[in-house]
Amino acid sequence: MMKNIYKILLTGVIGLFLFACEDEDTLRIPQDFGKGPNVRIIVDPDFSFIDFDDLSSAKLQFDLYSESKNLGTVEIRAFYSSGGVNSDTVTMKTYTQADIDAANGVLKDQDITAQALVDALDLPGGLGGLAGGDSFTFLNRTTMDNGTVYPSTTVGGNSNVTPNITNSSATTSFTTSFTLFVGCPSDQAEFVGTYSSVITTSNFGGFIGSTNDEVTITFKGPEPFRYQISDISSLAYVPFGGQAYPGDIYDICGSPQMLPTNTFGATVDTGGGTWDPDTGTLTLNLFESFNGLTWTVVLTKK
């Protein structure tokens, strides 16, 4: 009898201990769980990048769809990225349930201009400070009428917006983010293909005349003007134990710009490259820091 009483008391004490140690901060599941937001954002493909050739008129344009009836606010927020450095994040647009209801759940042709972005973010140089390859990332922060924020972190560090409802414009019920790059429309059919390459000038005589008859240029993305070249060195390093070295380039409104890469050392574009779509000729001027080598490579489309 005494043993049974002891077991009952012990069980009760353990239960009280566990209840007392429960962290209230981990109780993040709202009482109306299951009534999450339906907020889809579809970017107009004609305004899916910041046009570097016409920055004064450049803009993002999108449609916002929602079937929800319990929204507090939908905020479209943005931050700027350049050279791997991100700006602060600011709110560019805010919609309420009343706004969405008034539009019957479909807000068409919403826009945010490049000028509005640089002003809100207080970017140095304004529009003139933008460079090809820079980007603006847009975030959807939706607050329900009960105060629950989407996306936010739940128990165990998980997001309350799960992958199965995002990342497909056709089926998603909640758009979390999307990115616009600074650049121009790039004709992929013009760039993509097989090329022959030759090094025409270099500060090292052993590089001059090096060739590679099978160089491919493929579209890489995610930027709408980013490509990969299978070899930027015309096999010039092969006699020294090297190989073909790939590199990525941006087509910035017809002016090629190679992104930093590695050959025998860190290799960068020194500028002045050209692209002639009529002849299919691409020229890049490169510098490799470890050996102090410079060279100009000319690629001609077959």
C-alpha atoms as a PDB file:
ATOM      1  CA  MET A   1       0.000   0.000   0.000  1.00  0.00           C
ATOM      2  CA  MET A   2       2.756   2.444   0.973  1.00  0.00           C
ATOM      3  CA  LYS A   3       4.637   1.603  -2.256  1.00  0.00           C
ATOM      4  CA  ASN A   4       1.570   2.495  -4.371  1.00  0.00           C
ATOM      5  CA  ILE A   5       1.139   5.818  -2.548  1.00  0.00           C
ATOM      6  CA  TYR A   6       4.839   6.569  -3.088  1.00  0.00           C
ATOM      7  CA  LYS A   7       4.542   5.860  -6.826  1.00  0.00           C
ATOM      8  CA  ILE A   8       1.513   8.129  -7.141  1.00  0.00           C
ATOM      9  CA  LEU A   9       3.258  10.964  -5.298  1.00  0.00           C
ATOM     10  CA  LEU A  10       6.436  10.527  -7.371  1.00  0.00           C
ATOM     11  CA  THR A  11       4.485  10.634 -10.630  1.00  0.00           C
ATOM     12  CA  GLY A  12       2.725  13.804  -9.532  1.00  0.00           C
ATOM     13  CA  VAL A  13       5.976  15.520  -8.571  1.00  0.00           C
ATOM     14  CA  ILE A  14       7.585  14.663 -11.927  1.00  0.00           C
ATOM     15  CA  GLY A  15       4.546  16.006 -13.760  1.00  0.00           C
ATOM     16  CA  LEU A  16       4.650  19.267 -11.837  1.00  0.00           C
ATOM     17  CA  PHE A  17       8.397  19.567 -12.498  1.00  0.00           C
ATOM     18  CA  LEU A  18       8.001  19.104 -16.253  1.00  0.00           C
ATOM     19  CA  PHE A  19       5.137  21.600 -16.397  1.00  0.00           C
ATOM     20  CA  ALA A  20       7.125  24.171 -14.415  1.00  0.00           C
ATOM     21  CA  CYS A  21      10.147  23.819 -16.742  1.00  0.00           C
ATOM     22  CA  GLU A  22       8.159  24.312 -19.950  1.00  0.00           C
ATOM     23  CA  ASP A  23       9.468  27.296 -21.897  1.00  0.00           C
ATOM     24  CA  GLU A  24       6.572  29.548 -22.777  1.00  0.00           C
ATOM     25  CA  ASP A  25       8.654  31.049 -25.587  1.00  0.00           C
ATOM     26  CA  THR A  26       8.374  27.765 -27.517  1.00  0.00           C
ATOM     27  CA  LEU A  27       4.557  27.858 -27.513  1.00  0.00           C
ATOM     28  CA  ARG A  28       4.313  29.530 -30.886  1.00  0.00           C
ATOM     29  CA  ILE A  29       1.497  27.621 -32.578  1.00  0.00           C
ATOM     30  CA  PRO A  30      -1.480  30.000 -32.758  1.00  0.00           C
ATOM     31  CA  GLN A  31      -4.911  28.958 -31.531  1.00  0.00           C
ATOM     32  CA  ASP A  32      -6.355  29.337 -35.013  1.00  0.00           C
ATOM     33  CA  PHE A  33      -3.663  27.128 -36.551  1.00  0.00           C
ATOM     34  CA  GLY A  34      -4.757  26.100 -40.026  1.00  0.00           C
ATOM     35  CA  LYS A  35      -6.023  29.558 -41.041  1.00  0.00           C
ATOM     36  CA  GLY A  36      -2.699  30.748 -42.423  1.00  0.00           C
ATOM     37  CA  PRO A  37      -2.369  33.327 -45.198  1.00  0.00           C
ATOM     38  CA  ASN A  38      -2.985  32.899 -48.886  1.00  0.00           C
ATOM     39  CA  VAL A  39      -0.852  35.568 -50.562  1.00  0.00           C
ATOM     40  CA  ARG A  40       0.593  34.954 -54.028  1.00  0.00           C
ATOM     41  CA  ILE A  41       2.781  37.391 -55.945  1.00  0.00           C
ATOM     42  CA  ILE A  42       3.303  36.937 -59.694  1.00  0.00           C
ATOM     43  CA  VAL A  43       5.992  39.117 -61.308  1.00  0.00           C
ATOM     44  CA  ASP A  44       5.290  40.427 -64.803  1.00  0.00           C
ATOM     45  CA  PRO A  45       8.041  38.888 -66.991  1.00  0.00           C
ATOM     46  CA  ASP A  46       8.349  42.163 -68.913  1.00  0.00           C
ATOM     47  CA  PHE A  47       9.403  43.854 -65.660  1.00  0.00           C
ATOM     48  CA  SER A  48      11.409  41.036 -64.081  1.00  0.00           C
ATOM     49  CA  PHE A  49      14.723  42.919 -63.987  1.00  0.00           C
ATOM     50  CA  ILE A  50      15.928  46.487 -63.440  1.00  0.00           C
ATOM     51  CA  ASP A  51      16.750  47.734 -66.935  1.00  0.00           C
ATOM     52  CA  PHE A  52      20.274  49.155 -66.762  1.00  0.00           C
ATOM     53  CA  ASP A  53      19.756  50.848 -70.138  1.00  0.00           C
ATOM     54  CA  ASP A  54      16.755  52.819 -68.884  1.00  0.00           C
ATOM     55  CA  LEU A  55      17.072  53.191 -65.117  1.00  0.00           C
ATOM     56  CA  SER A  56      14.843  56.270 -64.960  1.00  0.00           C
ATOM     57  CA  SER A  57      11.892  54.191 -66.202  1.00  0.00           C
ATOM     58  CA  ALA A  58      12.904  50.827 -64.738  1.00  0.00           C
ATOM     59  CA  LYS A  59      10.487  49.190 -62.330  1.00  0.00           C
ATOM     60  CA  LEU A  60       9.149  45.999 -60.829  1.00  0.00           C
ATOM     61  CA  GLN A  61       5.578  45.165 -61.791  1.00  0.00           C
ATOM     62  CA  PHE A  62       3.524  42.395 -60.187  1.00  0.00           C
ATOM     63  CA  ASP A  63       0.058  41.079 -59.422  1.00  0.00           C
ATOM     64  CA  LEU A  64      -0.939  40.139 -55.870  1.00  0.00           C
ATOM     65  CA  TYR A  65      -3.576  37.471 -55.278  1.00  0.00           C
ATOM     66  CA  SER A  66      -5.215  36.468 -52.001  1.00  0.00           C
ATOM     67  CA  GLU A  67      -8.216  34.386 -50.953  1.00  0.00           C
ATOM     68  CA  SER A  68      -7.677  35.134 -47.263  1.00  0.00           C
ATOM     69  CA  LYS A  69     -10.227  37.006 -45.162  1.00  0.00           C
ATOM     70  CA  ASN A  70      -8.207  37.278 -41.954  1.00  0.00           C
ATOM     71  CA  LEU A  71      -5.229  39.394 -43.005  1.00  0.00           C
ATOM     72  CA  GLY A  72      -3.926  42.321 -41.012  1.00  0.00           C
ATOM     73  CA  THR A  73      -1.263  43.648 -43.382  1.00  0.00           C
ATOM     74  CA  VAL A  74       0.791  42.420 -46.320  1.00  0.00           C
ATOM     75  CA  GLU A  75       4.137  44.225 -46.534  1.00  0.00           C
ATOM     76  CA  ILE A  76       6.380  44.091 -49.593  1.00  0.00           C
ATOM     77  CA  ARG A  77       9.857  44.712 -48.211  1.00  0.00           C
ATOM     78  CA  ALA A  78      13.166  45.025 -50.082  1.00  0.00           C
ATOM     79  CA  PHE A  79      16.926  45.016 -49.645  1.00  0.00           C
ATOM     80  CA  TYR A  80      19.753  45.728 -52.089  1.00  0.00           C
ATOM     81  CA  SER A  81      22.799  43.536 -52.763  1.00  0.00           C
ATOM     82  CA  SER A  82      26.041  44.609 -54.423  1.00  0.00           C
ATOM     83  CA  GLY A  83      29.352  42.787 -54.340  1.00  0.00           C
ATOM     84  CA  GLY A  84      28.103  40.391 -51.680  1.00  0.00           C
ATOM     85  CA  VAL A  85      27.060  43.207 -49.320  1.00  0.00           C
ATOM     86  CA  ASN A  86      23.394  43.631 -48.356  1.00  0.00           C
ATOM     87  CA  SER A  87      21.661  46.849 -47.378  1.00  0.00           C
ATOM     88  CA  ASP A  88      19.105  47.254 -44.622  1.00  0.00           C
ATOM     89  CA  THR A  89      15.577  46.074 -45.399  1.00  0.00           C
ATOM     90  CA  VAL A  90      12.770  48.597 -45.881  1.00  0.00           C
ATOM     91  CA  THR A  91       9.027  48.329 -46.479  1.00  0.00           C
ATOM     92  CA  MET A  92       8.076  49.477 -49.978  1.00  0.00           C
ATOM     93  CA  LYS A  93       4.332  48.747 -50.025  1.00  0.00           C
ATOM     94  CA  THR A  94       1.682  47.811 -47.478  1.00  0.00           C
ATOM     95  CA  TYR A  95      -1.740  46.313 -48.205  1.00  0.00           C
ATOM     96  CA  THR A  96      -4.618  45.685 -45.794  1.00  0.00           C
ATOM     97  CA  GLN A  97      -7.476  43.197 -45.912  1.00  0.00           C
ATOM     98  CA  ALA A  98      -9.703  46.091 -46.961  1.00  0.00           C
ATOM     99  CA  ASP A  99      -7.404  46.853 -49.929  1.00  0.00           C
ATOM    100  CA  ILE A 100      -7.524  43.235 -51.052  1.00  0.00           C
ATOM    101  CA  ASP A 101     -11.284  42.923 -50.560  1.00  0.00           C
ATOM    102  CA  ALA A 102     -11.866  46.112 -52.554  1.00  0.00           C
ATOM    103  CA  ALA A 103      -9.943  44.538 -55.456  1.00  0.00           C
ATOM    104  CA  ASN A 104     -11.868  41.249 -55.155  1.00  0.00           C
ATOM    105  CA  GLY A 105      -8.703  39.457 -54.108  1.00  0.00           C
ATOM    106  CA  VAL A 106      -6.623  40.502 -57.130  1.00  0.00           C
ATOM    107  CA  LEU A 107      -4.401  43.595 -57.064  1.00  0.00           C
ATOM    108  CA  LYS A 108      -3.207  43.970 -60.662  1.00  0.00           C
ATOM    109  CA  ASP A 109      -0.235  45.865 -62.096  1.00  0.00           C
ATOM    110  CA  GLN A 110       1.326  46.930 -58.818  1.00  0.00           C
ATOM    111  CA  ASP A 111       4.699  48.596 -59.357  1.00  0.00           C
ATOM    112  CA  ILE A 112       7.788  49.741 -57.501  1.00  0.00           C
ATOM    113  CA  THR A 113      10.159  51.950 -59.476  1.00  0.00           C
ATOM    114  CA  ALA A 114      13.932  51.770 -59.365  1.00  0.00           C
ATOM    115  CA  GLN A 115      13.919  55.406 -58.266  1.00  0.00           C
ATOM    116  CA  ALA A 116      11.622  54.591 -55.337  1.00  0.00           C
ATOM    117  CA  LEU A 117      13.927  51.744 -54.318  1.00  0.00           C
ATOM    118  CA  VAL A 118      17.145  53.770 -54.293  1.00  0.00           C
ATOM    119  CA  ASP A 119      15.375  56.597 -52.445  1.00  0.00           C
ATOM    120  CA  ALA A 120      13.864  54.338 -49.778  1.00  0.00           C
ATOM    121  CA  LEU A 121      17.133  52.470 -49.285  1.00  0.00           C
ATOM    122  CA  ASP A 122      19.153  55.716 -49.380  1.00  0.00           C
ATOM    123  CA  LEU A 123      21.674  54.171 -51.767  1.00  0.00           C
ATOM    124  CA  PRO A 124      24.859  56.198 -52.394  1.00  0.00           C
ATOM    125  CA  GLY A 125      24.783  57.737 -55.842  1.00  0.00           C
ATOM    126  CA  GLY A 126      21.096  57.031 -56.337  1.00  0.00           C
ATOM    127  CA  LEU A 127      20.332  55.449 -59.690  1.00  0.00           C
ATOM    128  CA  GLY A 128      23.864  56.286 -60.822  1.00  0.00           C
ATOM    129  CA  GLY A 129      25.257  54.037 -58.111  1.00  0.00           C
ATOM    130  CA  LEU A 130      23.644  50.899 -59.527  1.00  0.00           C
ATOM    131  CA  ALA A 131      25.831  48.436 -61.426  1.00  0.00           C
ATOM    132  CA  GLY A 132      25.126  45.458 -63.631  1.00  0.00           C
ATOM    133  CA  GLY A 133      24.729  42.309 -61.564  1.00  0.00           C
ATOM    134  CA  ASP A 134      23.438  44.157 -58.488  1.00  0.00           C
ATOM    135  CA  SER A 135      20.085  42.943 -57.207  1.00  0.00           C
ATOM    136  CA  PHE A 136      17.004  43.826 -55.194  1.00  0.00           C
ATOM    137  CA  THR A 137      15.399  41.071 -53.129  1.00  0.00           C
ATOM    138  CA  PHE A 138      11.743  41.466 -52.219  1.00  0.00           C
ATOM    139  CA  LEU A 139      10.214  39.835 -49.142  1.00  0.00           C
ATOM    140  CA  ASN A 140       6.571  39.215 -48.287  1.00  0.00           C
ATOM    141  CA  ARG A 141       5.831  39.810 -44.604  1.00  0.00           C
ATOM    142  CA  THR A 142       2.192  39.066 -43.845  1.00  0.00           C
ATOM    143  CA  THR A 143       0.623  39.726 -40.448  1.00  0.00           C
ATOM    144  CA  MET A 144      -2.702  38.058 -39.650  1.00  0.00           C
ATOM    145  CA  ASP A 145      -5.497  39.844 -37.801  1.00  0.00           C
ATOM    146  CA  ASN A 146      -4.526  37.846 -34.679  1.00  0.00           C
ATOM    147  CA  GLY A 147      -0.941  39.155 -34.841  1.00  0.00           C
ATOM    148  CA  THR A 148       0.706  36.014 -36.238  1.00  0.00           C
ATOM    149  CA  VAL A 149       3.487  36.902 -38.682  1.00  0.00           C
ATOM    150  CA  TYR A 150       4.372  34.875 -41.789  1.00  0.00           C
ATOM    151  CA  PRO A 151       7.096  33.860 -42.328  1.00  0.00           C
ATOM    152  CA  SER A 152       8.434  33.507 -38.788  1.00  0.00           C
ATOM    153  CA  THR A 153      10.256  30.905 -36.731  1.00  0.00           C
ATOM    154  CA  THR A 154       8.354  28.219 -34.845  1.00  0.00           C
ATOM    155  CA  VAL A 155       9.362  25.429 -32.464  1.00  0.00           C
ATOM    156  CA  GLY A 156      12.812  24.004 -33.231  1.00  0.00           C
ATOM    157  CA  GLY A 157      13.799  26.850 -35.534  1.00  0.00           C
ATOM    158  CA  ASN A 158      11.426  25.808 -38.337  1.00  0.00           C
ATOM    159  CA  SER A 159       9.508  28.249 -40.505  1.00  0.00           C
ATOM    160  CA  ASN A 160       5.736  28.523 -40.272  1.00  0.00           C
ATOM    161  CA  VAL A 161       5.733  28.717 -44.082  1.00  0.00           C
ATOM    162  CA  THR A 162       6.518  25.195 -45.273  1.00  0.00           C
ATOM    163  CA  PRO A 163       8.176  24.351 -48.613  1.00  0.00           C
ATOM    164  CA  ASN A 164       5.103  22.575 -49.968  1.00  0.00           C
ATOM    165  CA  ILE A 165       3.204  25.875 -50.252  1.00  0.00           C
ATOM    166  CA  THR A 166       5.996  27.972 -51.766  1.00  0.00           C
ATOM    167  CA  ASN A 167       8.326  28.205 -54.755  1.00  0.00           C
ATOM    168  CA  SER A 168       5.899  27.377 -57.577  1.00  0.00           C
ATOM    169  CA  SER A 169       4.084  30.264 -59.201  1.00  0.00           C
ATOM    170  CA  ALA A 170       1.366  27.894 -60.420  1.00  0.00           C
ATOM    171  CA  THR A 171       0.558  26.143 -57.143  1.00  0.00           C
ATOM    172  CA  THR A 172       2.001  28.184 -54.300  1.00  0.00           C
ATOM    173  CA  SER A 173      -0.355  29.707 -51.757  1.00  0.00           C
ATOM    174  CA  PHE A 174       2.287  31.994 -50.235  1.00  0.00           C
ATOM    175  CA  THR A 175       5.147  33.788 -52.003  1.00  0.00           C
ATOM    176  CA  THR A 176       7.999  34.351 -49.564  1.00  0.00           C
ATOM    177  CA  SER A 177      10.511  36.234 -51.739  1.00  0.00           C
ATOM    178  CA  PHE A 178      11.793  36.976 -55.228  1.00  0.00           C
ATOM    179  CA  THR A 179      14.821  38.780 -56.690  1.00  0.00           C
ATOM    180  CA  LEU A 180      15.304  41.294 -59.494  1.00  0.00           C
ATOM    181  CA  PHE A 181      18.745  41.864 -60.984  1.00  0.00           C
ATOM    182  CA  VAL A 182      20.129  45.000 -62.579  1.00  0.00           C
ATOM    183  CA  GLY A 183      20.856  44.325 -66.243  1.00  0.00           C
ATOM    184  CA  CYS A 184      19.362  44.250 -69.729  1.00  0.00           C
ATOM    185  CA  PRO A 185      17.506  41.696 -71.799  1.00  0.00           C
ATOM    186  CA  SER A 186      20.076  39.227 -73.106  1.00  0.00           C
ATOM    187  CA  ASP A 187      19.558  37.245 -76.289  1.00  0.00           C
ATOM    188  CA  GLN A 188      20.445  33.729 -75.174  1.00  0.00           C
ATOM    189  CA  ALA A 189      20.303  32.385 -78.722  1.00  0.00           C
ATOM    190  CA  GLU A 190      23.054  34.829 -79.680  1.00  0.00           C
ATOM    191  CA  PHE A 191      25.361  33.928 -76.804  1.00  0.00           C
ATOM    192  CA  VAL A 192      24.862  30.214 -76.280  1.00  0.00           C
ATOM    193  CA  GLY A 193      26.876  27.873 -78.488  1.00  0.00           C
ATOM    194  CA  THR A 194      30.281  26.430 -79.352  1.00  0.00           C
ATOM    195  CA  TYR A 195      33.270  28.713 -79.849  1.00  0.00           C
ATOM    196  CA  SER A 196      36.932  28.559 -80.761  1.00  0.00           C
ATOM    197  CA  SER A 197      39.259  30.682 -78.637  1.00  0.00           C
ATOM    198  CA  VAL A 198      42.723  32.170 -78.946  1.00  0.00           C
ATOM    199  CA  ILE A 199      44.905  34.344 -76.708  1.00  0.00           C
ATOM    200  CA  THR A 200      45.964  37.297 -78.833  1.00  0.00           C
ATOM    201  CA  THR A 201      48.007  39.336 -76.328  1.00  0.00           C
ATOM    202  CA  SER A 202      49.694  38.633 -72.996  1.00  0.00           C
ATOM    203  CA  ASN A 203      52.562  39.846 -70.831  1.00  0.00           C
ATOM    204  CA  PHE A 204      53.854  36.249 -71.000  1.00  0.00           C
ATOM    205  CA  GLY A 205      54.952  35.127 -74.450  1.00  0.00           C
ATOM    206  CA  GLY A 206      54.154  31.493 -73.699  1.00  0.00           C
ATOM    207  CA  PHE A 207      50.441  32.315 -73.572  1.00  0.00           C
ATOM    208  CA  ILE A 208      50.208  34.117 -76.906  1.00  0.00           C
ATOM    209  CA  GLY A 209      48.681  31.924 -79.610  1.00  0.00           C
ATOM    210  CA  SER A 210      47.233  29.378 -77.179  1.00  0.00           C
ATOM    211  CA  THR A 211      43.981  27.977 -78.564  1.00  0.00           C
ATOM    212  CA  ASN A 212      40.993  25.865 -77.662  1.00  0.00           C
ATOM    213  CA  ASP A 213      38.750  24.804 -80.535  1.00  0.00           C
ATOM    214  CA  GLU A 214      35.927  23.507 -78.324  1.00  0.00           C
ATOM    215  CA  VAL A 215      34.743  26.159 -75.888  1.00  0.00           C
ATOM    216  CA  THR A 216      31.080  26.175 -74.923  1.00  0.00           C
ATOM    217  CA  ILE A 217      29.022  29.049 -73.595  1.00  0.00           C
ATOM    218  CA  THR A 218      25.844  28.041 -71.776  1.00  0.00           C
ATOM    219  CA  PHE A 219      23.147  30.021 -70.025  1.00  0.00           C
ATOM    220  CA  LYS A 220      23.563  29.707 -66.250  1.00  0.00           C
ATOM    221  CA  GLY A 221      21.271  32.160 -64.447  1.00  0.00           C
ATOM    222  CA  PRO A 222      19.678  32.902 -62.090  1.00  0.00           C
ATOM    223  CA  GLU A 223      20.333  36.366 -63.465  1.00  0.00           C
ATOM    224  CA  PRO A 224      18.694  36.687 -66.895  1.00  0.00           C
ATOM    225  CA  PHE A 225      22.059  37.693 -68.386  1.00  0.00           C
ATOM    226  CA  ARG A 226      24.515  35.261 -66.745  1.00  0.00           C
ATOM    227  CA  TYR A 227      26.445  32.683 -68.799  1.00  0.00           C
ATOM    228  CA  GLN A 228      29.226  30.176 -68.195  1.00  0.00           C
ATOM    229  CA  ILE A 229      32.269  29.789 -70.446  1.00  0.00           C
ATOM    230  CA  SER A 230      33.848  26.322 -70.283  1.00  0.00           C
ATOM    231  CA  ASP A 231      37.388  27.740 -70.702  1.00  0.00           C
ATOM    232  CA  ILE A 232      38.625  31.321 -70.325  1.00  0.00           C
ATOM    233  CA  SER A 233      42.315  30.435 -70.714  1.00  0.00           C
ATOM    234  CA  SER A 234      42.517  28.808 -74.168  1.00  0.00           C
ATOM    235  CA  LEU A 235      44.277  25.829 -72.482  1.00  0.00           C
ATOM    236  CA  ALA A 236      47.313  28.093 -71.911  1.00  0.00           C
ATOM    237  CA  TYR A 237      47.968  26.561 -68.469  1.00  0.00           C
ATOM    238  CA  VAL A 238      47.977  22.950 -69.696  1.00  0.00           C
ATOM    239  CA  PRO A 239      51.765  22.836 -70.420  1.00  0.00           C
ATOM    240  CA  PHE A 240      52.311  23.850 -66.787  1.00  0.00           C
ATOM    241  CA  GLY A 241      50.056  21.211 -65.280  1.00  0.00           C
ATOM    242  CA  GLY A 242      46.843  23.179 -65.582  1.00  0.00           C
ATOM    243  CA  GLN A 243      43.591  22.535 -67.380  1.00  0.00           C
ATOM    244  CA  ALA A 244      40.676  24.329 -68.986  1.00  0.00           C
ATOM    245  CA  TYR A 245      39.356  26.886 -66.505  1.00  0.00           C
ATOM    246  CA  PRO A 246      35.686  27.925 -66.614  1.00  0.00           C
ATOM    247  CA  GLY A 247      34.320  31.340 -65.794  1.00  0.00           C
ATOM    248  CA  ASP A 248      30.973  33.102 -65.556  1.00  0.00           C
ATOM    249  CA  ILE A 249      30.172  36.277 -67.448  1.00  0.00           C
ATOM    250  CA  TYR A 250      27.426  38.874 -67.350  1.00  0.00           C
ATOM    251  CA  ASP A 251      26.057  40.295 -70.565  1.00  0.00           C
ATOM    252  CA  ILE A 252      25.499  43.845 -69.323  1.00  0.00           C
ATOM    253  CA  CYS A 253      23.602  45.452 -72.181  1.00  0.00           C
ATOM    254  CA  GLY A 254      26.045  44.063 -74.728  1.00  0.00           C
ATOM    255  CA  SER A 255      29.166  44.668 -72.633  1.00  0.00           C
ATOM    256  CA  PRO A 256      30.604  41.406 -71.240  1.00  0.00           C
ATOM    257  CA  GLN A 257      31.888  41.305 -67.683  1.00  0.00           C
ATOM    258  CA  MET A 258      33.544  38.205 -66.252  1.00  0.00           C
ATOM    259  CA  LEU A 259      32.965  37.447 -62.590  1.00  0.00           C
ATOM    260  CA  PRO A 260      36.048  36.738 -60.410  1.00  0.00           C
ATOM    261  CA  THR A 261      37.211  33.134 -60.711  1.00  0.00           C
ATOM    262  CA  ASN A 262      40.356  31.013 -60.313  1.00  0.00           C
ATOM    263  CA  THR A 263      42.949  29.644 -62.730  1.00  0.00           C
ATOM    264  CA  PHE A 264      46.440  29.274 -61.211  1.00  0.00           C
ATOM    265  CA  GLY A 265      45.355  32.142 -58.968  1.00  0.00           C
ATOM    266  CA  ALA A 266      42.519  34.593 -58.482  1.00  0.00           C
ATOM    267  CA  THR A 267      41.515  35.805 -61.937  1.00  0.00           C
ATOM    268  CA  VAL A 268      39.507  38.936 -62.697  1.00  0.00           C
ATOM    269  CA  ASP A 269      38.199  40.916 -65.636  1.00  0.00           C
ATOM    270  CA  THR A 270      40.184  44.137 -66.159  1.00  0.00           C
ATOM    271  CA  GLY A 271      37.475  45.713 -68.306  1.00  0.00           C
ATOM    272  CA  GLY A 272      37.192  46.743 -71.922  1.00  0.00           C
ATOM    273  CA  GLY A 273      35.729  43.458 -73.138  1.00  0.00           C
ATOM    274  CA  THR A 274      33.492  43.456 -76.194  1.00  0.00           C
ATOM    275  CA  TRP A 275      30.696  41.406 -77.722  1.00  0.00           C
ATOM    276  CA  ASP A 276      29.780  41.622 -81.421  1.00  0.00           C
ATOM    277  CA  PRO A 277      26.565  39.684 -82.096  1.00  0.00           C
ATOM    278  CA  ASP A 278      26.941  40.159 -85.862  1.00  0.00           C
ATOM    279  CA  THR A 279      30.218  38.224 -85.977  1.00  0.00           C
ATOM    280  CA  GLY A 280      29.708  36.175 -82.812  1.00  0.00           C
ATOM    281  CA  THR A 281      32.988  37.471 -81.377  1.00  0.00           C
ATOM    282  CA  LEU A 282      33.553  37.817 -77.628  1.00  0.00           C
ATOM    283  CA  THR A 283      36.691  39.482 -76.223  1.00  0.00           C
ATOM    284  CA  LEU A 284      37.767  39.460 -72.563  1.00  0.00           C
ATOM    285  CA  ASN A 285      40.771  41.091 -70.877  1.00  0.00           C
ATOM    286  CA  LEU A 286      41.900  39.118 -67.831  1.00  0.00           C
ATOM    287  CA  PHE A 287      44.438  39.244 -64.997  1.00  0.00           C
ATOM    288  CA  GLU A 288      45.674  36.347 -62.845  1.00  0.00           C
ATOM    289  CA  SER A 289      47.144  37.587 -59.572  1.00  0.00           C
ATOM    290  CA  PHE A 290      49.333  34.681 -58.401  1.00  0.00           C
ATOM    291  CA  ASN A 291      51.702  34.895 -61.385  1.00  0.00           C
ATOM    292  CA  GLY A 292      50.884  38.473 -62.379  1.00  0.00           C
ATOM    293  CA  LEU A 293      49.706  37.335 -65.809  1.00  0.00           C
ATOM    294  CA  THR A 294      47.523  39.330 -68.179  1.00  0.00           C
ATOM    295  CA  TRP A 295      45.925  38.121 -71.378  1.00  0.00           C
ATOM    296  CA  THR A 296      43.261  38.920 -73.932  1.00  0.00           C
ATOM    297  CA  VAL A 297      41.175  35.981 -75.075  1.00  0.00           C
ATOM    298  CA  VAL A 298      39.070  36.166 -78.228  1.00  0.00           C
ATOM    299  CA  LEU A 299      36.243  33.672 -78.654  1.00  0.00           C
ATOM    300  CA  THR A 300      34.555  33.242 -82.033  1.00  0.00           C
ATOM    301  CA  LYS A 301      31.267  31.423 -82.405  1.00  0.00           C
ATOM    302  CA  LYS A 302      31.276  28.507 -84.815  1.00  0.00           C
END
